[in-house]
PDB file of N, CA and C in Angstrom:
ATOM      1  N   MET A   1      11.422   3.040 -11.388  1.00  0.00           N
ATOM      2  CA  MET A   1      11.867   2.960 -10.050  1.00  0.00           C
ATOM      3  C   MET A   1      10.672   4.635  -9.371  1.00  0.00           C
ATOM      4  N   TYR A   2       9.709   3.962  -9.119  1.00  0.00           N
ATOM      5  CA  TYR A   2       8.439   4.903  -8.379  1.00  0.00           C
ATOM      6  C   TYR A   2       9.039   5.292  -7.188  1.00  0.00           C
ATOM      7  N   ASN A   3       8.363   6.406  -7.265  1.00  0.00           N
ATOM      8  CA  ASN A   3       8.195   7.388  -5.933  1.00  0.00           C
ATOM      9  C   ASN A   3       8.030   7.248  -5.027  1.00  0.00           C
ATOM     10  N   THR A   4       7.567   6.650  -3.770  1.00  0.00           N
ATOM     11  CA  THR A   4       6.596   6.105  -2.727  1.00  0.00           C
ATOM     12  C   THR A   4       5.779   7.033  -2.281  1.00  0.00           C
ATOM     13  N   ILE A   5       5.158   7.761  -2.209  1.00  0.00           N
ATOM     14  CA  ILE A   5       4.148   8.578  -1.280  1.00  0.00           C
ATOM     15  C   ILE A   5       3.468   7.968  -0.183  1.00  0.00           C
ATOM     16  N   ILE A   6       3.290   8.181   1.139  1.00  0.00           N
ATOM     17  CA  ILE A   6       2.295   7.685   2.303  1.00  0.00           C
ATOM     18  C   ILE A   6       2.250   9.290   2.484  1.00  0.00           C
ATOM     19  N   THR A   7       0.428   8.912   2.919  1.00  0.00           N
ATOM     20  CA  THR A   7      -0.639   9.694   3.011  1.00  0.00           C
ATOM     21  C   THR A   7      -0.378   9.649   4.268  1.00  0.00           C
ATOM     22  N   LYS A   8      -0.792  11.715   5.000  1.00  0.00           N
ATOM     23  CA  LYS A   8      -1.039  11.106   6.444  1.00  0.00           C
ATOM     24  C   LYS A   8      -2.060   9.908   6.704  1.00  0.00           C
ATOM     25  N   PRO A   9      -3.306  10.142   6.521  1.00  0.00           N
ATOM     26  CA  PRO A   9      -4.156   8.978   7.198  1.00  0.00           C
ATOM     27  C   PRO A   9      -2.421   7.574   7.417  1.00  0.00           C
ATOM     28  N   ALA A  10      -2.670   7.146   6.338  1.00  0.00           N
ATOM     29  CA  ALA A  10      -1.755   5.763   6.368  1.00  0.00           C
ATOM     30  C   ALA A  10      -0.354   5.846   7.493  1.00  0.00           C
ATOM     31  N   ARG A  11       0.364   6.858   7.087  1.00  0.00           N
ATOM     32  CA  ARG A  11       0.787   7.081   7.717  1.00  0.00           C
ATOM     33  C   ARG A  11       0.718   7.159   9.759  1.00  0.00           C
ATOM     34  N   LYS A  12      -0.607   7.125  10.156  1.00  0.00           N
ATOM     35  CA  LYS A  12      -0.650   7.589  11.337  1.00  0.00           C
ATOM     36  C   LYS A  12      -1.461   5.669  11.947  1.00  0.00           C
ATOM     37  N   ASN A  13      -1.987   5.419  10.491  1.00  0.00           N
ATOM     38  CA  ASN A  13      -1.784   3.554  10.237  1.00  0.00           C
ATOM     39  C   ASN A  13      -0.641   3.171  10.525  1.00  0.00           C
ATOM     40  N   LEU A  14      -0.157   2.966   9.891  1.00  0.00           N
ATOM     41  CA  LEU A  14       1.265   2.173  10.145  1.00  0.00           C
ATOM     42  C   LEU A  14       1.762   3.297  11.528  1.00  0.00           C
ATOM     43  N   SER A  15       1.073   3.886  12.177  1.00  0.00           N
ATOM     44  CA  SER A  15       1.757   4.263  13.509  1.00  0.00           C
ATOM     45  C   SER A  15       1.309   2.986  15.148  1.00  0.00           C
ATOM     46  N   ARG A  16       0.171   2.628  14.254  1.00  0.00           N
ATOM     47  CA  ARG A  16      -0.792   1.553  15.512  1.00  0.00           C
ATOM     48  C   ARG A  16      -0.438   0.462  15.068  1.00  0.00           C
ATOM     49  N   LEU A  17       1.155  -0.008  14.321  1.00  0.00           N
ATOM     50  CA  LEU A  17       1.384  -1.291  13.945  1.00  0.00           C
ATOM     51  C   LEU A  17       2.119  -1.668  15.254  1.00  0.00           C
ATOM     52  N   SER A  18       1.821  -2.724  15.387  1.00  0.00           N
ATOM     53  CA  SER A  18       2.920  -3.921  16.934  1.00  0.00           C
ATOM     54  C   SER A  18       3.848  -3.522  14.967  1.00  0.00           C
ATOM     55  N   ASN A  19       5.764  -3.862  15.791  1.00  0.00           N
ATOM     56  CA  ASN A  19       6.510  -3.383  15.590  1.00  0.00           C
ATOM     57  C   ASN A  19       6.922  -4.490  14.253  1.00  0.00           C
ATOM     58  N   ALA A  20       6.518  -5.344  14.699  1.00  0.00           N
ATOM     59  CA  ALA A  20       6.965  -6.822  13.566  1.00  0.00           C
ATOM     60  C   ALA A  20       5.679  -6.665  12.613  1.00  0.00           C
ATOM     61  N   GLU A  21       4.574  -6.100  12.462  1.00  0.00           N
ATOM     62  CA  GLU A  21       3.262  -6.135  12.036  1.00  0.00           C
ATOM     63  C   GLU A  21       4.450  -4.651  10.649  1.00  0.00           C
ATOM     64  N   TYR A  22       5.460  -3.319  12.051  1.00  0.00           N
ATOM     65  CA  TYR A  22       5.046  -2.459  11.068  1.00  0.00           C
ATOM     66  C   TYR A  22       6.242  -3.065   9.613  1.00  0.00           C
ATOM     67  N   LEU A  23       7.371  -3.521  10.484  1.00  0.00           N
ATOM     68  CA  LEU A  23       8.955  -3.714   9.971  1.00  0.00           C
ATOM     69  C   LEU A  23       8.399  -4.443   8.864  1.00  0.00           C
ATOM     70  N   ARG A  24       7.232  -5.898   8.322  1.00  0.00           N
ATOM     71  CA  ARG A  24       7.030  -5.923   7.342  1.00  0.00           C
ATOM     72  C   ARG A  24       6.842  -5.407   6.798  1.00  0.00           C
ATOM     73  N   ILE A  25       5.218  -4.494   6.523  1.00  0.00           N
ATOM     74  CA  ILE A  25       4.402  -3.544   5.723  1.00  0.00           C
ATOM     75  C   ILE A  25       4.941  -2.382   5.511  1.00  0.00           C
ATOM     76  N   ARG A  26       6.525  -1.887   6.447  1.00  0.00           N
ATOM     77  CA  ARG A  26       7.453  -1.544   5.182  1.00  0.00           C
ATOM     78  C   ARG A  26       7.762  -1.778   3.964  1.00  0.00           C
ATOM     79  N   ALA A  27       8.356  -3.707   4.958  1.00  0.00           N
ATOM     80  CA  ALA A  27       9.887  -4.188   3.607  1.00  0.00           C
ATOM     81  C   ALA A  27       8.936  -4.468   2.285  1.00  0.00           C
ATOM     82  N   LYS A  28       6.941  -4.554   2.118  1.00  0.00           N
ATOM     83  CA  LYS A  28       6.307  -4.305   0.801  1.00  0.00           C
ATOM     84  C   LYS A  28       6.474  -3.542   0.328  1.00  0.00           C
ATOM     85  N   LEU A  29       6.165  -1.744   0.575  1.00  0.00           N
ATOM     86  CA  LEU A  29       6.415  -0.511   0.739  1.00  0.00           C
ATOM     87  C   LEU A  29       7.064  -0.551  -0.426  1.00  0.00           C
ATOM     88  N   LYS A  30       8.710  -0.946  -0.033  1.00  0.00           N
ATOM     89  CA  LYS A  30       9.677  -0.556  -0.406  1.00  0.00           C
ATOM     90  C   LYS A  30       9.864  -1.416  -1.532  1.00  0.00           C
ATOM     91  N   LEU A  31       8.864  -2.621  -1.730  1.00  0.00           N
ATOM     92  CA  LEU A  31       8.532  -2.993  -3.050  1.00  0.00           C
ATOM     93  C   LEU A  31       8.019  -2.321  -4.117  1.00  0.00           C
ATOM     94  N   LEU A  32       7.450  -1.263  -3.811  1.00  0.00           N
ATOM     95  CA  LEU A  32       6.489  -1.686  -4.873  1.00  0.00           C
ATOM     96  C   LEU A  32       7.563  -0.038  -5.339  1.00  0.00           C
ATOM     97  N   ALA A  33       7.669   0.432  -5.333  1.00  0.00           N
ATOM     98  CA  ALA A  33       9.031   1.322  -6.110  1.00  0.00           C
ATOM     99  C   ALA A  33       9.693   0.629  -7.042  1.00  0.00           C
ATOM    100  N   ASP A  34      10.001  -0.393  -6.663  1.00  0.00           N
ATOM    101  CA  ASP A  34      10.325  -1.418  -8.237  1.00  0.00           C
ATOM    102  C   ASP A  34       8.923  -0.920  -8.739  1.00  0.00           C
ATOM    103  N   ASP A  35       8.263  -2.786  -8.084  1.00  0.00           N
ATOM    104  CA  ASP A  35       7.486  -2.513  -8.878  1.00  0.00           C
ATOM    105  C   ASP A  35       6.013  -2.561  -8.121  1.00  0.00           C
ATOM    106  N   PRO A  36       5.183  -0.887  -8.542  1.00  0.00           N
ATOM    107  CA  PRO A  36       4.249  -1.316  -8.624  1.00  0.00           C
ATOM    108  C   PRO A  36       2.625  -1.655  -7.971  1.00  0.00           C
ATOM    109  N   ARG A  37       3.390  -2.984  -9.819  1.00  0.00           N
ATOM    110  CA  ARG A  37       2.182  -4.165  -9.654  1.00  0.00           C
ATOM    111  C   ARG A  37       2.681  -6.042  -9.827  1.00  0.00           C
ATOM    112  N   PRO A  38       2.938  -6.378  -8.228  1.00  0.00           N
ATOM    113  CA  PRO A  38       3.721  -7.261  -8.141  1.00  0.00           C
ATOM    114  C   PRO A  38       2.220  -7.793  -7.745  1.00  0.00           C
ATOM    115  N   ARG A  39       3.050  -9.393  -8.869  1.00  0.00           N
ATOM    116  CA  ARG A  39       2.440 -10.376  -8.796  1.00  0.00           C
ATOM    117  C   ARG A  39       2.179 -10.459  -6.620  1.00  0.00           C
ATOM    118  N   GLY A  40       0.363 -10.128  -6.780  1.00  0.00           N
ATOM    119  CA  GLY A  40      -0.437 -11.265  -6.005  1.00  0.00           C
ATOM    120  C   GLY A  40      -1.336  -9.286  -5.857  1.00  0.00           C
ATOM    121  N   CYS A  41      -0.348  -8.487  -6.718  1.00  0.00           N
ATOM    122  CA  CYS A  41      -1.481  -7.402  -5.891  1.00  0.00           C
ATOM    123  C   CYS A  41      -3.393  -7.872  -7.068  1.00  0.00           C
ATOM    124  N   LYS A  42      -3.761  -6.489  -6.381  1.00  0.00           N
ATOM    125  CA  LYS A  42      -5.308  -6.574  -7.018  1.00  0.00           C
ATOM    126  C   LYS A  42      -5.621  -6.337  -7.743  1.00  0.00           C
ATOM    127  N   LYS A  43      -6.099  -5.420  -8.338  1.00  0.00           N
ATOM    128  CA  LYS A  43      -7.080  -3.797  -9.127  1.00  0.00           C
ATOM    129  C   LYS A  43      -8.627  -3.768  -7.362  1.00  0.00           C
ATOM    130  N   ILE A  44      -8.783  -2.538  -7.903  1.00  0.00           N
ATOM    131  CA  ILE A  44      -9.771  -2.484  -7.141  1.00  0.00           C
ATOM    132  C   ILE A  44     -10.412  -1.883  -7.949  1.00  0.00           C
ATOM    133  N   GLU A  45     -11.791  -2.972  -7.918  1.00  0.00           N
ATOM    134  CA  GLU A  45     -12.628  -3.030  -9.568  1.00  0.00           C
ATOM    135  C   GLU A  45     -13.572  -1.411  -9.595  1.00  0.00           C
ATOM    136  N   SER A  46     -14.406  -1.262  -8.352  1.00  0.00           N
ATOM    137  CA  SER A  46     -14.999  -0.163  -8.308  1.00  0.00           C
ATOM    138  C   SER A  46     -14.266   1.526  -8.811  1.00  0.00           C
ATOM    139  N   GLN A  47     -12.705   1.456  -8.392  1.00  0.00           N
ATOM    140  CA  GLN A  47     -11.953   3.122  -8.906  1.00  0.00           C
ATOM    141  C   GLN A  47     -10.955   2.663  -9.651  1.00  0.00           C
ATOM    142  N   LYS A  48     -10.684   4.239 -10.059  1.00  0.00           N
ATOM    143  CA  LYS A  48      -9.664   3.824 -11.824  1.00  0.00           C
ATOM    144  C   LYS A  48      -8.236   3.888 -11.066  1.00  0.00           C
ATOM    145  N   ASP A  49      -7.797   2.756 -10.633  1.00  0.00           N
ATOM    146  CA  ASP A  49      -5.685   3.481 -10.888  1.00  0.00           C
ATOM    147  C   ASP A  49      -5.558   2.531  -9.126  1.00  0.00           C
ATOM    148  N   ARG A  50      -6.135   2.114  -8.792  1.00  0.00           N
ATOM    149  CA  ARG A  50      -6.532   1.965  -7.306  1.00  0.00           C
ATOM    150  C   ARG A  50      -6.083   0.483  -7.077  1.00  0.00           C
ATOM    151  N   PHE A  51      -5.727   0.075  -6.039  1.00  0.00           N
ATOM    152  CA  PHE A  51      -4.591  -1.490  -6.022  1.00  0.00           C
ATOM    153  C   PHE A  51      -4.619  -2.384  -4.440  1.00  0.00           C
ATOM    154  N   ARG A  52      -4.265  -3.421  -4.200  1.00  0.00           N
ATOM    155  CA  ARG A  52      -4.138  -3.265  -2.885  1.00  0.00           C
ATOM    156  C   ARG A  52      -4.036  -4.587  -2.846  1.00  0.00           C
ATOM    157  N   ILE A  53      -2.180  -4.512  -1.499  1.00  0.00           N
ATOM    158  CA  ILE A  53      -1.872  -5.598  -1.150  1.00  0.00           C
ATOM    159  C   ILE A  53      -2.383  -6.516  -0.107  1.00  0.00           C
ATOM    160  N   ARG A  54      -2.239  -8.094  -0.045  1.00  0.00           N
ATOM    161  CA  ARG A  54      -1.716  -8.167   1.183  1.00  0.00           C
ATOM    162  C   ARG A  54      -0.738  -8.942   1.881  1.00  0.00           C
ATOM    163  N   THR A  55      -0.567  -8.459   3.380  1.00  0.00           N
ATOM    164  CA  THR A  55       0.507  -8.036   3.916  1.00  0.00           C
ATOM    165  C   THR A  55      -0.248  -9.386   5.213  1.00  0.00           C
ATOM    166  N   GLY A  56       0.124 -10.598   5.330  1.00  0.00           N
ATOM    167  CA  GLY A  56      -0.143 -11.037   6.437  1.00  0.00           C
ATOM    168  C   GLY A  56      -2.131 -10.761   6.914  1.00  0.00           C
ATOM    169  N   ASP A  57      -2.388 -10.251   7.370  1.00  0.00           N
ATOM    170  CA  ASP A  57      -3.772 -10.059   7.515  1.00  0.00           C
ATOM    171  C   ASP A  57      -3.911  -8.623   7.390  1.00  0.00           C
ATOM    172  N   PHE A  58      -2.650  -7.535   6.818  1.00  0.00           N
ATOM    173  CA  PHE A  58      -3.117  -6.612   6.572  1.00  0.00           C
ATOM    174  C   PHE A  58      -3.552  -5.856   5.279  1.00  0.00           C
ATOM    175  N   ARG A  59      -3.848  -4.565   4.838  1.00  0.00           N
ATOM    176  CA  ARG A  59      -3.942  -4.456   3.324  1.00  0.00           C
ATOM    177  C   ARG A  59      -3.749  -3.602   2.532  1.00  0.00           C
ATOM    178  N   VAL A  60      -2.818  -3.040   1.835  1.00  0.00           N
ATOM    179  CA  VAL A  60      -2.140  -2.184   1.687  1.00  0.00           C
ATOM    180  C   VAL A  60      -2.722  -1.405   0.370  1.00  0.00           C
ATOM    181  N   LEU A  61      -3.684  -0.032   0.976  1.00  0.00           N
ATOM    182  CA  LEU A  61      -4.838   0.678  -0.256  1.00  0.00           C
ATOM    183  C   LEU A  61      -3.742   1.511  -1.669  1.00  0.00           C
ATOM    184  N   TYR A  62      -3.541   0.986  -1.951  1.00  0.00           N
ATOM    185  CA  TYR A  62      -2.365   2.243  -3.104  1.00  0.00           C
ATOM    186  C   TYR A  62      -2.784   2.214  -4.576  1.00  0.00           C
ATOM    187  N   SER A  63      -3.061   3.813  -4.778  1.00  0.00           N
ATOM    188  CA  SER A  63      -2.786   4.012  -6.459  1.00  0.00           C
ATOM    189  C   SER A  63      -1.754   4.439  -7.314  1.00  0.00           C
ATOM    190  N   ILE A  64      -1.734   4.156  -8.053  1.00  0.00           N
ATOM    191  CA  ILE A  64      -0.272   4.249  -9.005  1.00  0.00           C
ATOM    192  C   ILE A  64      -0.568   6.315 -10.556  1.00  0.00           C
ATOM    193  N   ASN A  65       0.568   6.079  -9.752  1.00  0.00           N
ATOM    194  CA  ASN A  65       0.458   7.150 -11.799  1.00  0.00           C
ATOM    195  C   ASN A  65       1.793   6.596 -12.055  1.00  0.00           C
ATOM    196  N   ASP A  66       1.376   6.715 -12.907  1.00  0.00           N
ATOM    197  CA  ASP A  66       2.688   6.086 -14.308  1.00  0.00           C
ATOM    198  C   ASP A  66       2.955   7.417 -14.835  1.00  0.00           C
ATOM    199  N   GLU A  67       1.885   8.317 -14.742  1.00  0.00           N
ATOM    200  CA  GLU A  67       2.864   9.660 -15.872  1.00  0.00           C
ATOM    201  C   GLU A  67       3.918  10.285 -14.870  1.00  0.00           C
ATOM    202  N   LYS A  68       3.633  10.637 -13.602  1.00  0.00           N
ATOM    203  CA  LYS A  68       5.086  11.060 -12.633  1.00  0.00           C
ATOM    204  C   LYS A  68       5.809  10.124 -12.137  1.00  0.00           C
ATOM    205  N   LYS A  69       5.332   8.601 -11.789  1.00  0.00           N
ATOM    206  CA  LYS A  69       6.172   7.084 -11.149  1.00  0.00           C
ATOM    207  C   LYS A  69       6.096   7.370  -9.869  1.00  0.00           C
ATOM    208  N   GLU A  70       4.540   7.580  -9.001  1.00  0.00           N
ATOM    209  CA  GLU A  70       3.988   7.977  -7.769  1.00  0.00           C
ATOM    210  C   GLU A  70       3.652   6.760  -7.053  1.00  0.00           C
ATOM    211  N   VAL A  71       3.546   5.540  -6.641  1.00  0.00           N
ATOM    212  CA  VAL A  71       2.910   5.795  -5.813  1.00  0.00           C
ATOM    213  C   VAL A  71       2.357   5.623  -4.057  1.00  0.00           C
ATOM    214  N   ILE A  72       0.923   6.389  -5.295  1.00  0.00           N
ATOM    215  CA  ILE A  72       0.604   6.553  -3.246  1.00  0.00           C
ATOM    216  C   ILE A  72      -0.421   5.403  -1.927  1.00  0.00           C
ATOM    217  N   ILE A  73       0.698   5.451  -0.651  1.00  0.00           N
ATOM    218  CA  ILE A  73      -0.502   5.285  -0.048  1.00  0.00           C
ATOM    219  C   ILE A  73      -1.380   5.243   0.769  1.00  0.00           C
ATOM    220  N   TYR A  74      -2.512   5.216   0.234  1.00  0.00           N
ATOM    221  CA  TYR A  74      -3.652   6.159   1.379  1.00  0.00           C
ATOM    222  C   TYR A  74      -4.671   5.348   2.504  1.00  0.00           C
ATOM    223  N   ARG A  75      -3.625   3.872   2.132  1.00  0.00           N
ATOM    224  CA  ARG A  75      -5.382   3.280   3.849  1.00  0.00           C
ATOM    225  C   ARG A  75      -3.843   1.614   4.088  1.00  0.00           C
ATOM    226  N   ILE A  76      -3.567   1.455   5.201  1.00  0.00           N
ATOM    227  CA  ILE A  76      -2.879   0.502   5.790  1.00  0.00           C
ATOM    228  C   ILE A  76      -3.484  -0.287   6.340  1.00  0.00           C
ATOM    229  N   ALA A  77      -4.746  -0.873   6.125  1.00  0.00           N
ATOM    230  CA  ALA A  77      -6.088  -1.315   7.687  1.00  0.00           C
ATOM    231  C   ALA A  77      -6.323  -3.097   7.503  1.00  0.00           C
ATOM    232  N   HIS A  78      -6.393  -3.758   8.748  1.00  0.00           N
ATOM    233  CA  HIS A  78      -6.658  -4.434   8.687  1.00  0.00           C
ATOM    234  C   HIS A  78      -7.514  -5.401   7.785  1.00  0.00           C
ATOM    235  N   ARG A  79      -7.647  -6.144   7.533  1.00  0.00           N
ATOM    236  CA  ARG A  79      -8.391  -7.096   6.343  1.00  0.00           C
ATOM    237  C   ARG A  79     -10.390  -6.536   6.791  1.00  0.00           C
ATOM    238  N   LYS A  80     -10.187  -7.221   8.134  1.00  0.00           N
ATOM    239  CA  LYS A  80     -11.519  -6.312   8.167  1.00  0.00           C
ATOM    240  C   LYS A  80     -12.093  -5.099   7.928  1.00  0.00           C
ATOM    241  N   GLU A  81     -11.453  -3.980   8.262  1.00  0.00           N
ATOM    242  CA  GLU A  81     -11.520  -2.765   8.599  1.00  0.00           C
ATOM    243  C   GLU A  81     -10.756  -2.192   6.509  1.00  0.00           C
ATOM    244  N   SER A  82     -10.167  -2.510   5.481  1.00  0.00           N
ATOM    245  CA  SER A  82      -9.867  -1.990   4.346  1.00  0.00           C
ATOM    246  C   SER A  82     -10.992  -1.708   3.807  1.00  0.00           C
ATOM    247  N   TYR A  83     -11.553  -1.502   3.790  1.00  0.00           N
ATOM    248  CA  TYR A  83     -12.792  -1.306   2.869  1.00  0.00           C
ATOM    249  C   TYR A  83     -14.013  -0.883   2.461  1.00  0.00           C
TER     250      TYR A  83
END
């Protein structure tokens, strides 16, 4: 099981979401602790060990540190603003 770390900018992104979006994304974040590379995740080509998952119209961008067993959530944004 991986430890999920949500960075300060990602927490700020979460605080701006509607309640329904917040709950949906929090559920996905909890699943990342069990499986940091779930089916449907995409590796971000230009960056090492960085991935994204889709949650409705939002993207969760994160990195994985396998040595420390950490998933670091660094951005949560609408698909139009995510990159």
